[in-house]
Structures are given as structure tokens and as C-alpha cells.
C-alpha atoms as a PDB file:
ATOM      1  CA  MET A   1      98.113  70.173-135.714  1.00  0.00           C
ATOM      2  CA  SER A   2      97.264  71.120-132.370  1.00  0.00           C
ATOM      3  CA  THR A   3      99.295  73.337-130.222  1.00  0.00           C
ATOM      4  CA  ASP A   4     100.170  70.563-128.020  1.00  0.00           C
ATOM      5  CA  GLN A   5     101.787  68.467-130.782  1.00  0.00           C
ATOM      6  CA  VAL A   6     103.824  71.298-132.183  1.00  0.00           C
ATOM      7  CA  VAL A   7     105.381  71.634-128.662  1.00  0.00           C
ATOM      8  CA  LEU A   8     105.797  67.940-128.730  1.00  0.00           C
ATOM      9  CA  ASN A   9     107.435  67.934-132.109  1.00  0.00           C
ATOM     10  CA  GLN A  10     109.698  70.848-131.250  1.00  0.00           C
ATOM     11  CA  GLN A  11     110.793  69.028-127.812  1.00  0.00           C
ATOM     12  CA  LEU A  12     111.522  66.011-129.972  1.00  0.00           C
ATOM     13  CA  VAL A  13     113.878  68.060-132.273  1.00  0.00           C
ATOM     14  CA  ASP A  14     115.551  69.698-129.551  1.00  0.00           C
ATOM     15  CA  ALA A  15     116.531  66.483-128.013  1.00  0.00           C
ATOM     16  CA  VAL A  16     117.759  64.973-131.173  1.00  0.00           C
ATOM     17  CA  ASN A  17     120.070  68.162-131.721  1.00  0.00           C
ATOM     18  CA  ALA A  18     121.256  67.943-128.461  1.00  0.00           C
ATOM     19  CA  HIS A  19     122.177  63.919-128.481  1.00  0.00           C
ATOM     20  CA  GLY A  20     123.175  64.257-132.268  1.00  0.00           C
ATOM     21  CA  SER A  21     126.170  66.434-131.277  1.00  0.00           C
ATOM     22  CA  ASP A  22     127.038  64.160-128.479  1.00  0.00           C
ATOM     23  CA  ILE A  23     126.951  61.310-130.966  1.00  0.00           C
ATOM     24  CA  GLN A  24     129.443  63.072-133.208  1.00  0.00           C
ATOM     25  CA  ASN A  25     131.607  64.188-130.609  1.00  0.00           C
ATOM     26  CA  LEU A  26     131.824  60.359-129.446  1.00  0.00           C
ATOM     27  CA  ASN A  27     132.409  59.340-133.134  1.00  0.00           C
ATOM     28  CA  CYS A  28     135.195  61.804-133.450  1.00  0.00           C
ATOM     29  CA  VAL A  29     136.973  60.481-130.360  1.00  0.00           C
ATOM     30  CA  ILE A  30     136.536  57.010-131.400  1.00  0.00           C
ATOM     31  CA  SER A  31     137.692  57.593-134.865  1.00  0.00           C
ATOM     32  CA  GLY A  32     140.964  59.214-133.053  1.00  0.00           C
ATOM     33  CA  LEU A  33     141.373  56.132-130.810  1.00  0.00           C
ATOM     34  CA  VAL A  34     141.005  53.816-133.521  1.00  0.00           C
ATOM     35  CA  HIS A  35     143.461  55.706-135.839  1.00  0.00           C
ATOM     36  CA  GLN A  36     146.128  55.631-133.092  1.00  0.00           C
ATOM     37  CA  LEU A  37     145.155  51.622-132.605  1.00  0.00           C
ATOM     38  CA  ALA A  38     145.830  51.079-136.356  1.00  0.00           C
ATOM     39  CA  GLN A  39     149.108  53.249-136.107  1.00  0.00           C
ATOM     40  CA  THR A  40     150.443  51.050-133.142  1.00  0.00           C
ATOM     41  CA  GLN A  41     148.799  47.723-133.158  1.00  0.00           C
ATOM     42  CA  GLY A  42     148.252  47.524-137.133  1.00  0.00           C
ATOM     43  CA  ASN A  43     145.738  45.270-138.957  1.00  0.00           C
ATOM     44  CA  SER A  44     145.701  42.407-136.298  1.00  0.00           C
ATOM     45  CA  GLY A  45     145.028  45.046-133.720  1.00  0.00           C
ATOM     46  CA  LEU A  46     142.246  46.414-135.455  1.00  0.00           C
ATOM     47  CA  ASP A  47     140.708  42.809-136.328  1.00  0.00           C
ATOM     48  CA  ALA A  48     141.018  42.029-132.419  1.00  0.00           C
ATOM     49  CA  ALA A  49     139.403  45.371-131.485  1.00  0.00           C
ATOM     50  CA  ARG A  50     136.491  45.320-133.873  1.00  0.00           C
ATOM     51  CA  ASP A  51     135.898  41.444-132.951  1.00  0.00           C
ATOM     52  CA  TYR A  52     135.631  42.543-129.385  1.00  0.00           C
ATOM     53  CA  ALA A  53     133.412  45.249-130.168  1.00  0.00           C
ATOM     54  CA  ILE A  54     131.224  43.182-132.029  1.00  0.00           C
ATOM     55  CA  ARG A  55     130.812  40.701-128.820  1.00  0.00           C
ATOM     56  CA  VAL A  56     129.959  43.509-126.719  1.00  0.00           C
ATOM     57  CA  ALA A  57     127.266  44.782-129.279  1.00  0.00           C
ATOM     58  CA  GLU A  58     125.645  41.198-129.415  1.00  0.00           C
ATOM     59  CA  ASN A  59     125.383  41.119-125.640  1.00  0.00           C
ATOM     60  CA  MET A  60     123.600  44.195-125.980  1.00  0.00           C
ATOM     61  CA  PRO A  61     119.685  43.600-124.584  1.00  0.00           C
ATOM     62  CA  ARG A  62     117.760  42.214-127.344  1.00  0.00           C
ATOM     63  CA  ASN A  63     114.764  43.712-126.466  1.00  0.00           C
ATOM     64  CA  SER A  64     115.702  47.163-126.579  1.00  0.00           C
ATOM     65  CA  LEU A  65     114.552  49.577-129.232  1.00  0.00           C
ATOM     66  CA  VAL A  66     117.677  50.785-129.735  1.00  0.00           C
ATOM     67  CA  LYS A  67     120.356  48.356-131.268  1.00  0.00           C
ATOM     68  CA  PRO A  68     123.936  48.291-132.316  1.00  0.00           C
ATOM     69  CA  ASN A  69     124.809  48.338-136.054  1.00  0.00           C
ATOM     70  CA  ALA A  70     127.514  45.545-136.492  1.00  0.00           C
ATOM     71  CA  GLN A  71     127.839  46.590-139.957  1.00  0.00           C
ATOM     72  CA  ALA A  72     128.768  50.232-138.693  1.00  0.00           C
ATOM     73  CA  ILE A  73     131.109  48.592-136.264  1.00  0.00           C
ATOM     74  CA  HIS A  74     132.891  46.553-139.119  1.00  0.00           C
ATOM     75  CA  ASP A  75     133.133  49.708-141.315  1.00  0.00           C
ATOM     76  CA  LEU A  76     134.802  51.925-138.645  1.00  0.00           C
ATOM     77  CA  PHE A  77     137.646  49.199-137.846  1.00  0.00           C
ATOM     78  CA  ASN A  78     138.013  48.483-141.766  1.00  0.00           C
ATOM     79  CA  GLY A  79     138.449  52.066-142.925  1.00  0.00           C
ATOM     80  CA  HIS A  80     141.496  52.560-140.729  1.00  0.00           C
ATOM     81  CA  LYS A  81     143.025  49.360-142.111  1.00  0.00           C
ATOM     82  CA  ALA A  82     146.463  49.819-143.843  1.00  0.00           C
ATOM     83  CA  GLY A  83     146.496  48.549-147.574  1.00  0.00           C
END
């Protein structure tokens, strides 16, 4: 592997690691907010928020290389539902 490729690979690893931490932070904050929503609004509030989040995801640019994961959105909200 060339020196240039090694440098590029390390830059990619550094970028992913930096943004990975940001993504984990956002996931923690969002999970806290969803938990609070579940406590105050119950399952109907979670359903409404989930449906809105899915509509937002569906309206993201379709030609982008990065797309929202609808199943992950469903799982996040459904994971906080009461029995």
C-alpha cells in the first residue's frame, strides 16, 4: 500500500471516529427526549412523534448517498413504549 493510501486511510478513520462520537451523543440526547415524551405523553405521543419522524425521513433527498433508516426510527420509538 502506498504512503498516500495509508495517509488517506488514517484520515478516513479519524473522520469516522470524530463523527461517531457525535452520533453517539445525539443518540443519547434523543433517547432521553423520547423517554421523557413516553413518560408525559404515553404511547399515543410516541406514535405521533414516530409518524412525524418517518414523514421527515421520507422527505429527505432521495438521491443522497446517506439515507435515514426507517426501521431504526420505528425501533427507537417502539423501544420506549409502555407494555
